[in-house]
Amino acid sequence: MRRTLGTTIPVVIVLVSNYLTATLPAFANEIEKVPEMMDKPPDPEKAVVSEYAEMKRRGTIEAFELFIERHPDHPLTDDARKNLKRLREN
């Protein structure tokens, strides 16, 4: 018995067509929920200043050492070194 693909292809096309007809509108609704623009990344300078404020609030040798280690080239590091020196002298 010889088989032909003549009747199989229209059936497959109909099934795929039905699947897409059912799923594409739902997918389109999901796309509309995606925000148009991503949130801006945080300002790195504000993060360092905030971190220094927290270290200063703690006021410990360890806190200032940690800040200096994390941000050796930041302008606030000079202030951290002064505070560290003062704490070590007391």
Protein backbone atom coordinates (compact mmCIF):
# COMPACT_ATOMS: atom_id res chain seq x y z
CA MET A 1 0.00 0.00 0.00
CA ARG A 2 1.41 3.32 -1.01
CA ARG A 3 0.98 6.41 1.19
CA THR A 4 0.99 9.98 0.01
CA LEU A 5 1.54 13.15 1.92
CA GLY A 6 -1.29 14.89 0.13
CA THR A 7 -3.73 14.74 3.04
CA THR A 8 -1.16 14.99 5.84
CA ILE A 9 0.22 18.41 5.00
CA PRO A 10 -3.15 20.24 5.05
CA VAL A 11 -3.92 18.65 8.42
CA VAL A 12 -0.56 19.78 9.86
CA ILE A 13 -1.07 23.28 8.51
CA VAL A 14 -4.53 23.47 10.06
CA LEU A 15 -3.22 22.25 13.43
CA VAL A 16 -0.33 24.74 13.43
CA SER A 17 -2.66 27.50 12.31
CA ASN A 18 -5.10 26.72 15.12
CA TYR A 19 -2.25 26.66 17.65
CA LEU A 20 -0.93 30.03 16.53
CA THR A 21 -4.41 31.54 16.45
CA ALA A 22 -4.90 30.45 20.06
CA THR A 23 -1.46 31.42 21.44
CA LEU A 24 -0.42 34.57 19.58
CA PRO A 25 -3.08 36.87 21.10
CA ALA A 26 -2.06 35.75 24.59
CA PHE A 27 1.60 36.34 23.73
CA ALA A 28 0.78 39.78 22.35
CA ASN A 29 -0.90 40.68 25.64
CA GLU A 30 2.25 39.65 27.52
CA ILE A 31 4.41 41.84 25.29
CA GLU A 32 2.25 44.85 26.17
CA LYS A 33 3.04 44.31 29.86
CA VAL A 34 6.79 44.71 29.34
CA PRO A 35 7.89 48.20 30.39
CA GLU A 36 9.11 50.39 27.59
CA MET A 37 12.24 51.42 29.41
CA MET A 38 14.38 49.72 32.01
CA ASP A 39 15.11 51.43 35.30
CA LYS A 40 18.26 53.49 35.35
CA PRO A 41 21.18 51.82 37.09
CA PRO A 42 22.05 53.34 40.46
CA ASP A 43 24.54 56.20 40.52
CA PRO A 44 27.89 54.67 41.61
CA GLU A 45 29.02 57.92 43.25
CA LYS A 46 25.89 58.07 45.40
CA ALA A 47 26.46 54.44 46.40
CA VAL A 48 30.04 55.19 47.56
CA VAL A 49 28.94 58.31 49.45
CA SER A 50 26.15 56.34 51.11
CA GLU A 51 28.56 53.56 52.04
CA TYR A 52 30.98 56.10 53.56
CA ALA A 53 28.18 57.66 55.58
CA GLU A 54 27.39 54.21 56.99
CA MET A 55 31.05 53.52 57.80
CA LYS A 56 31.33 56.91 59.48
CA ARG A 57 28.18 56.19 61.48
CA ARG A 58 29.74 52.95 62.69
CA GLY A 59 32.90 54.83 63.57
CA THR A 60 35.08 51.75 64.02
CA ILE A 61 38.60 50.99 62.87
CA GLU A 62 37.28 48.02 60.91
CA ALA A 63 34.67 50.12 59.11
CA PHE A 64 37.19 52.72 57.94
CA GLU A 65 39.71 50.03 56.95
CA LEU A 66 37.04 48.31 54.88
CA PHE A 67 36.07 51.55 53.13
CA ILE A 68 39.73 52.32 52.33
CA GLU A 69 40.22 48.79 51.02
CA ARG A 70 37.12 48.97 48.79
CA HIS A 71 37.69 52.50 47.47
CA PRO A 72 41.44 53.29 47.65
CA ASP A 73 41.30 56.05 45.01
CA HIS A 74 38.08 57.77 46.05
CA PRO A 75 38.34 61.33 47.44
CA LEU A 76 36.51 60.27 50.64
CA THR A 77 39.34 57.85 51.38
CA ASP A 78 41.48 60.76 52.63
CA ASP A 79 38.81 61.56 55.22
CA ALA A 80 38.54 57.87 56.09
CA ARG A 81 42.33 57.72 56.64
CA LYS A 82 42.16 60.75 58.95
CA ASN A 83 39.37 59.15 60.96
CA LEU A 84 41.27 55.87 61.08
CA LYS A 85 44.42 57.61 62.32
CA ARG A 86 42.41 59.45 64.99
CA LEU A 87 40.81 56.21 66.18
CA ARG A 88 44.15 54.41 66.36
CA GLU A 89 45.72 57.24 68.37
CA ASN A 90 42.96 57.15 70.98
